[in-house]
C-alpha atoms as a PDB file:
ATOM      1  CA  MET A   1       0.000   0.000   0.000  1.00  0.00           C
ATOM      2  CA  HIS A   2       1.003   3.594  -0.545  1.00  0.00           C
ATOM      3  CA  GLY A   3       2.928   4.976   2.417  1.00  0.00           C
ATOM      4  CA  GLY A   4       3.710   1.546   3.858  1.00  0.00           C
ATOM      5  CA  TYR A   5       0.237   1.029   5.319  1.00  0.00           C
ATOM      6  CA  VAL A   6      -1.252  -2.457   5.323  1.00  0.00           C
ATOM      7  CA  PRO A   7      -5.030  -2.925   5.141  1.00  0.00           C
ATOM      8  CA  SER A   8      -6.387  -5.573   7.475  1.00  0.00           C
ATOM      9  CA  PRO A   9     -10.035  -6.445   6.955  1.00  0.00           C
ATOM     10  CA  VAL A  10     -11.778  -7.690  10.099  1.00  0.00           C
ATOM     11  CA  SER A  11     -15.054  -9.583   9.984  1.00  0.00           C
ATOM     12  CA  LEU A  12     -17.709  -7.869  12.053  1.00  0.00           C
ATOM     13  CA  LEU A  13     -19.458 -11.230  12.319  1.00  0.00           C
ATOM     14  CA  ALA A  14     -16.743 -12.180  14.825  1.00  0.00           C
ATOM     15  CA  GLN A  15     -17.358 -11.864  18.530  1.00  0.00           C
ATOM     16  CA  ASP A  16     -16.111  -8.744  20.276  1.00  0.00           C
ATOM     17  CA  ALA A  17     -13.361 -10.716  22.069  1.00  0.00           C
ATOM     18  CA  LEU A  18     -11.810 -11.764  18.748  1.00  0.00           C
ATOM     19  CA  ILE A  19     -11.972  -8.221  17.352  1.00  0.00           C
ATOM     20  CA  GLU A  20     -10.404  -6.912  20.585  1.00  0.00           C
ATOM     21  CA  HIS A  21      -7.572  -9.430  20.258  1.00  0.00           C
ATOM     22  CA  THR A  22      -6.996  -8.539  16.601  1.00  0.00           C
ATOM     23  CA  LEU A  23      -6.942  -4.790  17.227  1.00  0.00           C
ATOM     24  CA  SER A  24      -4.748  -4.983  20.305  1.00  0.00           C
ATOM     25  CA  HIS A  25      -2.111  -7.137  18.579  1.00  0.00           C
ATOM     26  CA  SER A  26      -2.044  -5.446  15.180  1.00  0.00           C
ATOM     27  CA  ARG A  27      -1.056  -1.865  16.104  1.00  0.00           C
ATOM     28  CA  THR A  28      -4.088  -0.649  14.167  1.00  0.00           C
ATOM     29  CA  ARG A  29      -4.122   3.129  13.767  1.00  0.00           C
ATOM     30  CA  ILE A  30      -7.444   3.733  12.046  1.00  0.00           C
ATOM     31  CA  VAL A  31     -10.634   1.720  11.629  1.00  0.00           C
ATOM     32  CA  PHE A  32     -13.074   2.569   8.850  1.00  0.00           C
ATOM     33  CA  ALA A  33     -16.624   1.446   9.584  1.00  0.00           C
ATOM     34  CA  ALA A  34     -20.153   1.865   8.302  1.00  0.00           C
ATOM     35  CA  PRO A  35     -22.324   4.084  10.550  1.00  0.00           C
ATOM     36  CA  GLU A  36     -24.172   1.129  12.092  1.00  0.00           C
ATOM     37  CA  PHE A  37     -20.898  -0.343  13.455  1.00  0.00           C
ATOM     38  CA  VAL A  38     -19.190   2.800  14.774  1.00  0.00           C
ATOM     39  CA  ALA A  39     -20.542   2.590  18.348  1.00  0.00           C
ATOM     40  CA  ARG A  40     -19.604  -1.085  18.680  1.00  0.00           C
ATOM     41  CA  LEU A  41     -16.086  -0.560  17.329  1.00  0.00           C
ATOM     42  CA  THR A  42     -15.514   2.569  19.414  1.00  0.00           C
ATOM     43  CA  ALA A  43     -16.370   0.568  22.550  1.00  0.00           C
ATOM     44  CA  ILE A  44     -14.060  -2.265  21.489  1.00  0.00           C
ATOM     45  CA  VAL A  45     -11.182   0.145  20.812  1.00  0.00           C
ATOM     46  CA  ALA A  46     -11.710   1.789  24.208  1.00  0.00           C
ATOM     47  CA  ARG A  47     -11.614  -1.591  25.996  1.00  0.00           C
ATOM     48  CA  THR A  48      -8.321  -2.523  24.342  1.00  0.00           C
ATOM     49  CA  GLY A  49      -6.648   0.727  25.353  1.00  0.00           C
ATOM     50  CA  SER A  50      -5.711   1.251  21.718  1.00  0.00           C
ATOM     51  CA  ARG A  51      -5.211   4.735  20.326  1.00  0.00           C
ATOM     52  CA  ALA A  52      -6.882   3.715  17.061  1.00  0.00           C
ATOM     53  CA  ILE A  53      -9.290   6.172  15.486  1.00  0.00           C
ATOM     54  CA  VAL A  54     -12.717   4.878  14.435  1.00  0.00           C
ATOM     55  CA  ARG A  55     -13.754   6.758  11.315  1.00  0.00           C
ATOM     56  CA  GLU A  56     -17.309   6.581  10.027  1.00  0.00           C
ATOM     57  CA  THR A  57     -17.561   6.040   6.306  1.00  0.00           C
ATOM     58  CA  SER A  58     -20.263   5.037   3.890  1.00  0.00           C
ATOM     59  CA  PRO A  59     -19.676   2.017   1.689  1.00  0.00           C
ATOM     60  CA  ASP A  60     -21.757   3.760  -0.983  1.00  0.00           C
ATOM     61  CA  ASP A  61     -19.991   7.139  -0.843  1.00  0.00           C
ATOM     62  CA  LEU A  62     -16.319   7.090   0.035  1.00  0.00           C
ATOM     63  CA  GLY A  63     -16.045  10.856  -0.266  1.00  0.00           C
ATOM     64  CA  SER A  64     -13.841  10.857  -3.347  1.00  0.00           C
ATOM     65  CA  ALA A  65     -16.180  12.903  -5.541  1.00  0.00           C
ATOM     66  CA  GLY A  66     -14.293  15.788  -7.055  1.00  0.00           C
ATOM     67  CA  VAL A  67     -10.904  14.520  -5.889  1.00  0.00           C
ATOM     68  CA  LYS A  68      -8.335  14.967  -8.595  1.00  0.00           C
ATOM     69  CA  PRO A  69      -5.197  12.860  -8.823  1.00  0.00           C
ATOM     70  CA  ARG A  70      -1.796  14.470  -9.308  1.00  0.00           C
ATOM     71  CA  GLY A  71      -1.647  16.341 -12.568  1.00  0.00           C
ATOM     72  CA  GLY A  72      -5.162  17.735 -12.132  1.00  0.00           C
ATOM     73  CA  ARG A  73      -6.885  15.155 -14.339  1.00  0.00           C
ATOM     74  CA  ARG A  74     -10.126  13.603 -13.165  1.00  0.00           C
ATOM     75  CA  LEU A  75     -10.388   9.890 -12.566  1.00  0.00           C
ATOM     76  CA  ARG A  76     -12.211   8.027 -15.307  1.00  0.00           C
ATOM     77  CA  SER A  77     -15.107   7.300 -12.928  1.00  0.00           C
ATOM     78  CA  GLN A  78     -15.403  11.043 -12.263  1.00  0.00           C
ATOM     79  CA  ALA A  79     -15.209  12.163 -15.869  1.00  0.00           C
ATOM     80  CA  ARG A  80     -18.078  14.298 -17.045  1.00  0.00           C
ATOM     81  CA  PRO A  81     -20.213  12.816 -19.838  1.00  0.00           C
ATOM     82  CA  ARG A  82     -19.627  14.235 -23.281  1.00  0.00           C
ATOM     83  CA  SER A  83     -22.353  16.390 -24.759  1.00  0.00           C
END
């Protein structure tokens, strides 16, 4: 991954104890979660004593609209339709 970060998907079907173990042993710095899981994950992070940040995100809107890559060109998915 860019910047040396490693994504680590965690199944939210797991019990809280397993998620606690995973987060406390992985040095996780940020957790992205859908709004319905934020409260649960915030409580888990607090119990582990981790300094991880729980960031709410929407799986349908990742907030990249209008973001331009280096060089100022739009991503193909953001290109405006031709008239």
